[in-house]
Amino acid sequence: GLRSGGFNLVFFSSNSTFEPEELIAFELGYKGTMLDGQLQLNAAAYFYDYENVHTFANGLAFSGGYTTNVVAVPEAEMRGFDADLTWLATDSLTIGAHFSYTGTEYTSDYSVIDPNNPQRPASLFNAADSFINIKGNKMLRVPEKKGGGWMMYTYQLGDAGRLEFLANYSWIDRVYFSVFEQKDQSAPSYDRFDLRATWHNAEESIMVAAFVNNVLNDIGWRQIEQYGATEESLYRRTGSPTDPRSAGLELRYKF
């Protein structure tokens, strides 16, 4: 794969351009059914070899100081596996599960600036004079592990239609939003549990559902923004939270 390079002109960066990104991807997997068709399994192991992987980081500005820009880290690797299965346990019960593991690493020496480190305040340290080598750190925005499962039970009501009960659970590992692999620049792991009950009439023209999303009210973070979190702003981070617990009813009618 190839992604073209670009320009950092909007960031007024001394690194005005960045090189094209190249990727060689290897994958070995299986897709098939077992147990006389009752179990469906999809699984794959993969290895990604990057050259000049595009990454957001702080670098020197052409007018002095530092600025956010896109850089091309010379080398990085991603390796892992993922699997999902669907099991028709009975005529009424279906169970599914999924899991993935992804290990990532910047594998070449590359140094960038960190002006958002509360252990090195700008009043004592000049960030532009202090570069940090990110070799060995995790890549941006890639959780190491994800997983979950779901279960659906169907109860036939004859001429009165059918009822469906669905439970869904998902979990995501910590996600880093800076190249420094710092916990205060990352989103902690969180999970989510949803419940839903649905009635369909026999003609499939009416559907009525009741649901509760995020039953446990576990609030996670989709995004952590550390740029601008300097000493002057008391290193305050901003972010986008996930949705809190919500409940509702849904009605559909087919004309």
Protein backbone atom coordinates (compact mmCIF):
# COMPACT_ATOMS: atom_id res chain seq x y z
CA GLY A 1 0.00 0.00 0.00
CA LEU A 2 1.06 3.59 -0.62
CA ARG A 3 -0.22 6.87 0.82
CA SER A 4 1.17 10.05 -0.72
CA GLY A 5 3.17 12.58 1.25
CA GLY A 6 2.09 16.13 1.88
CA PHE A 7 2.80 19.59 3.18
CA ASN A 8 2.89 21.12 6.66
CA LEU A 9 2.41 24.67 5.42
CA VAL A 10 -0.73 25.22 7.51
CA PHE A 11 1.31 24.40 10.65
CA PHE A 12 4.19 26.80 9.77
CA SER A 13 6.55 23.90 10.44
CA SER A 14 10.25 23.90 9.69
CA ASN A 15 9.55 20.38 8.39
CA SER A 16 7.49 21.71 5.49
CA THR A 17 6.88 18.36 3.76
CA PHE A 18 6.57 14.71 4.75
CA GLU A 19 7.42 11.62 2.71
CA PRO A 20 4.92 9.09 1.26
CA GLU A 21 3.90 6.27 3.59
CA GLU A 22 4.49 2.68 2.41
CA LEU A 23 3.01 -0.50 3.87
CA ILE A 24 3.67 -4.17 3.22
CA ALA A 25 0.98 -6.30 4.89
CA PHE A 26 1.07 -10.06 5.48
CA GLU A 27 -2.03 -11.94 6.64
CA LEU A 28 -2.91 -15.58 7.16
CA GLY A 29 -6.44 -16.52 8.14
CA TYR A 30 -9.32 -18.97 8.17
CA LYS A 31 -12.99 -18.53 7.36
CA GLY A 32 -15.34 -21.47 7.62
CA THR A 33 -18.07 -23.37 9.42
CA MET A 34 -17.99 -26.25 11.89
CA LEU A 35 -20.40 -28.48 13.80
CA ASP A 36 -22.49 -29.16 10.70
CA GLY A 37 -22.86 -25.46 10.01
CA GLN A 38 -23.84 -24.43 13.55
CA LEU A 39 -20.55 -22.60 14.21
CA GLN A 40 -19.01 -19.97 11.94
CA LEU A 41 -15.42 -18.87 12.62
CA ASN A 42 -13.34 -16.09 11.09
CA ALA A 43 -9.76 -15.69 12.30
CA ALA A 44 -6.58 -14.06 11.03
CA ALA A 45 -3.02 -13.32 12.09
CA TYR A 46 -1.24 -10.39 10.48
CA PHE A 47 1.99 -8.42 10.30
CA TYR A 48 2.23 -4.86 8.93
CA ASP A 49 5.60 -3.36 8.00
CA TYR A 50 5.51 0.44 7.66
CA GLU A 51 7.97 2.87 6.14
CA ASN A 52 7.52 6.60 6.77
CA VAL A 53 4.35 6.07 8.81
CA HIS A 54 2.45 9.36 9.08
CA THR A 55 2.15 10.55 12.68
CA PHE A 56 1.02 13.74 14.44
CA ALA A 57 3.79 15.20 16.64
CA ASN A 58 5.31 18.48 17.76
CA GLY A 59 8.31 19.81 15.87
CA LEU A 60 10.21 23.02 15.33
CA ALA A 61 8.41 25.97 13.71
CA PHE A 62 10.26 27.93 11.04
CA SER A 63 9.65 31.16 13.04
CA GLY A 64 11.04 29.65 16.26
CA GLY A 65 9.46 27.61 19.03
CA TYR A 66 7.45 24.53 18.10
CA THR A 67 4.28 23.56 16.30
CA THR A 68 2.06 20.55 15.69
CA ASN A 69 2.72 18.88 12.34
CA VAL A 70 2.61 15.61 10.45
CA VAL A 71 5.88 13.70 10.48
CA ALA A 72 6.95 10.51 8.71
CA VAL A 73 8.50 8.16 11.28
CA PRO A 74 10.94 6.03 9.22
CA GLU A 75 9.81 2.58 10.44
CA ALA A 76 7.01 0.99 12.44
CA GLU A 77 5.47 -2.44 12.86
CA MET A 78 2.03 -3.78 13.71
CA ARG A 79 1.37 -7.43 14.52
CA GLY A 80 -1.61 -9.26 15.94
CA PHE A 81 -4.60 -11.49 15.42
CA ASP A 82 -8.38 -11.21 15.49
CA ALA A 83 -11.20 -13.72 15.62
CA ASP A 84 -14.97 -13.72 15.68
CA LEU A 85 -17.42 -16.56 15.91
CA THR A 86 -21.16 -17.09 15.68
CA TRP A 87 -22.73 -20.16 17.26
CA LEU A 88 -26.30 -21.28 16.57
CA ALA A 89 -26.62 -22.98 19.95
CA THR A 90 -30.30 -23.91 19.48
CA ASP A 91 -33.13 -22.98 17.12
CA SER A 92 -33.83 -20.04 19.44
CA LEU A 93 -30.43 -19.06 20.87
CA THR A 94 -27.52 -17.50 18.96
CA ILE A 95 -24.24 -16.57 20.65
CA GLY A 96 -21.40 -14.50 19.21
CA ALA A 97 -17.97 -13.39 20.41
CA HIS A 98 -15.01 -11.44 19.07
CA PHE A 99 -11.49 -10.62 20.21
CA SER A 100 -8.43 -8.93 18.77
CA TYR A 101 -4.86 -8.26 19.84
CA THR A 102 -2.65 -5.69 18.12
CA GLY A 103 0.92 -4.97 19.13
CA THR A 104 2.43 -1.83 17.63
CA GLU A 105 5.84 -0.20 17.83
CA TYR A 106 7.88 2.57 16.27
CA THR A 107 11.00 0.57 15.37
CA SER A 108 13.40 3.30 14.27
CA ASP A 109 15.00 6.22 16.07
CA TYR A 110 12.94 9.37 15.72
CA SER A 111 12.94 12.38 18.04
CA VAL A 112 10.10 14.83 18.64
CA ILE A 113 9.25 17.60 21.12
CA ASP A 114 6.91 17.23 24.11
CA PRO A 115 5.72 20.65 25.39
CA ASN A 116 2.82 19.02 27.27
CA ASN A 117 4.81 17.19 29.96
CA PRO A 118 4.03 18.54 33.46
CA GLN A 119 7.34 17.10 34.65
CA ARG A 120 9.17 19.50 32.34
CA PRO A 121 7.37 22.89 32.67
CA ALA A 122 8.22 25.55 30.11
CA SER A 123 9.27 27.96 32.88
CA LEU A 124 12.21 25.63 33.62
CA PHE A 125 12.79 23.74 30.38
CA ASN A 126 12.76 24.85 26.75
CA ALA A 127 10.80 22.14 24.90
CA ALA A 128 12.41 23.10 21.58
CA ASP A 129 15.81 22.17 23.06
CA SER A 130 14.64 18.83 24.44
CA PHE A 131 13.88 16.14 21.87
CA ILE A 132 12.55 12.71 22.92
CA ASN A 133 13.28 9.50 21.03
CA ILE A 134 10.02 7.58 20.47
CA LYS A 135 11.64 4.32 19.32
CA GLY A 136 9.91 1.41 21.06
CA ASN A 137 6.73 3.36 21.86
CA LYS A 138 3.25 2.28 20.77
CA MET A 139 1.66 3.74 17.66
CA LEU A 140 -1.11 6.31 17.96
CA ARG A 141 -4.79 5.44 18.40
CA VAL A 142 -4.40 1.63 18.26
CA PRO A 143 -5.74 -0.24 21.31
CA GLU A 144 -3.75 -3.34 22.18
CA LYS A 145 -6.81 -5.48 22.93
CA LYS A 146 -10.51 -5.38 22.13
CA GLY A 147 -13.20 -7.92 22.76
CA GLY A 148 -16.85 -8.60 23.38
CA GLY A 149 -19.77 -10.90 22.92
CA TRP A 150 -23.49 -10.97 22.32
CA MET A 151 -26.44 -13.30 22.78
CA MET A 152 -29.85 -13.27 21.09
CA TYR A 153 -32.82 -15.38 22.11
CA THR A 154 -35.95 -15.63 19.91
CA TYR A 155 -39.30 -16.70 21.38
CA GLN A 156 -41.98 -17.60 18.86
CA LEU A 157 -45.53 -16.42 19.65
CA GLY A 158 -47.31 -18.11 16.77
CA ASP A 159 -49.91 -15.83 15.17
CA ALA A 160 -48.90 -13.10 17.65
CA GLY A 161 -45.43 -12.79 16.12
CA ARG A 162 -42.15 -13.25 17.96
CA LEU A 163 -40.03 -11.73 20.72
CA GLU A 164 -36.29 -11.18 20.48
CA PHE A 165 -34.01 -10.50 23.45
CA LEU A 166 -30.52 -9.18 22.74
CA ALA A 167 -27.61 -8.59 25.12
CA ASN A 168 -24.37 -7.09 23.82
CA TYR A 169 -21.08 -6.48 25.65
CA SER A 170 -17.90 -4.80 24.34
CA TRP A 171 -14.57 -3.75 25.86
CA ILE A 172 -11.67 -1.70 24.55
CA ASP A 173 -8.16 -1.39 25.98
CA ARG A 174 -6.26 1.82 26.74
CA VAL A 175 -5.66 4.04 23.68
CA TYR A 176 -2.68 6.40 23.42
CA PHE A 177 -3.17 9.74 21.70
CA SER A 178 0.45 10.90 21.77
CA VAL A 179 3.67 9.27 20.61
CA PHE A 180 5.17 9.45 24.12
CA GLU A 181 3.05 6.58 25.53
CA GLN A 182 2.13 8.66 28.58
CA LYS A 183 -0.96 7.67 30.59
CA ASP A 184 -2.05 11.30 31.01
CA GLN A 185 -2.16 11.51 27.21
CA SER A 186 -4.29 8.39 26.80
CA ALA A 187 -7.86 7.15 27.22
CA PRO A 188 -8.25 4.39 29.86
CA SER A 189 -9.97 1.13 28.98
CA TYR A 190 -13.75 1.00 29.28
CA ASP A 191 -16.61 -1.34 28.50
CA ARG A 192 -20.25 -1.11 27.46
CA PHE A 193 -23.25 -3.36 28.04
CA ASP A 194 -26.51 -2.96 26.08
CA LEU A 195 -29.89 -4.67 26.40
CA ARG A 196 -32.75 -4.74 23.90
CA ALA A 197 -36.14 -6.46 23.67
CA THR A 198 -38.05 -6.43 20.36
CA TRP A 199 -41.49 -7.62 19.28
CA HIS A 200 -42.36 -8.30 15.62
CA ASN A 201 -45.89 -9.05 14.51
CA ALA A 202 -46.51 -12.11 12.34
CA GLU A 203 -46.78 -10.01 9.15
CA GLU A 204 -43.44 -8.29 9.86
CA SER A 205 -45.13 -4.91 9.41
CA ILE A 206 -44.86 -3.72 13.02
CA MET A 207 -41.82 -3.65 15.26
CA VAL A 208 -41.77 -2.39 18.85
CA ALA A 209 -38.53 -2.33 20.84
CA ALA A 210 -37.36 -1.23 24.27
CA PHE A 211 -33.65 -0.73 24.94
CA VAL A 212 -31.11 0.35 27.53
CA ASN A 213 -27.69 1.34 26.18
CA ASN A 214 -24.61 1.47 28.43
CA VAL A 215 -26.48 -0.24 31.27
CA LEU A 216 -23.52 0.06 33.67
CA ASN A 217 -23.06 3.77 32.80
CA ASP A 218 -19.32 3.32 32.21
CA ILE A 219 -18.06 6.53 30.57
CA GLY A 220 -15.01 6.23 28.35
CA TRP A 221 -13.14 8.63 26.09
CA ARG A 222 -13.16 8.54 22.30
CA GLN A 223 -10.46 11.20 22.01
CA ILE A 224 -7.90 12.90 24.28
CA GLU A 225 -6.43 16.15 22.98
CA GLN A 226 -3.12 17.09 24.59
CA TYR A 227 -1.93 19.73 22.13
CA GLY A 228 -2.15 23.12 23.82
CA ALA A 229 -2.07 21.50 27.28
CA THR A 230 0.88 23.64 28.35
CA GLU A 231 1.98 25.11 31.65
CA GLU A 232 -0.04 28.27 30.94
CA SER A 233 -3.24 26.18 30.70
CA LEU A 234 -2.28 24.10 33.77
CA TYR A 235 -1.81 21.10 31.45
CA ARG A 236 -5.54 20.75 31.02
CA ARG A 237 -6.54 18.05 28.53
CA THR A 238 -9.76 18.07 26.55
CA GLY A 239 -11.59 15.06 25.19
CA SER A 240 -14.76 13.56 23.75
CA PRO A 241 -16.61 11.22 26.15
CA THR A 242 -18.74 8.25 25.20
CA ASP A 243 -22.50 8.37 25.67
CA PRO A 244 -23.92 7.85 29.18
CA ARG A 245 -26.67 5.37 30.02
CA SER A 246 -29.76 5.91 27.89
CA ALA A 247 -33.10 4.14 27.56
CA GLY A 248 -35.89 4.40 25.05
CA LEU A 249 -38.63 2.92 22.92
CA GLU A 250 -38.65 2.40 19.16
CA LEU A 251 -41.63 1.86 16.87
CA ARG A 252 -41.53 1.00 13.17
CA TYR A 253 -44.40 0.41 10.80
CA LYS A 254 -44.09 -0.77 7.19
CA PHE A 255 -46.77 0.63 4.90
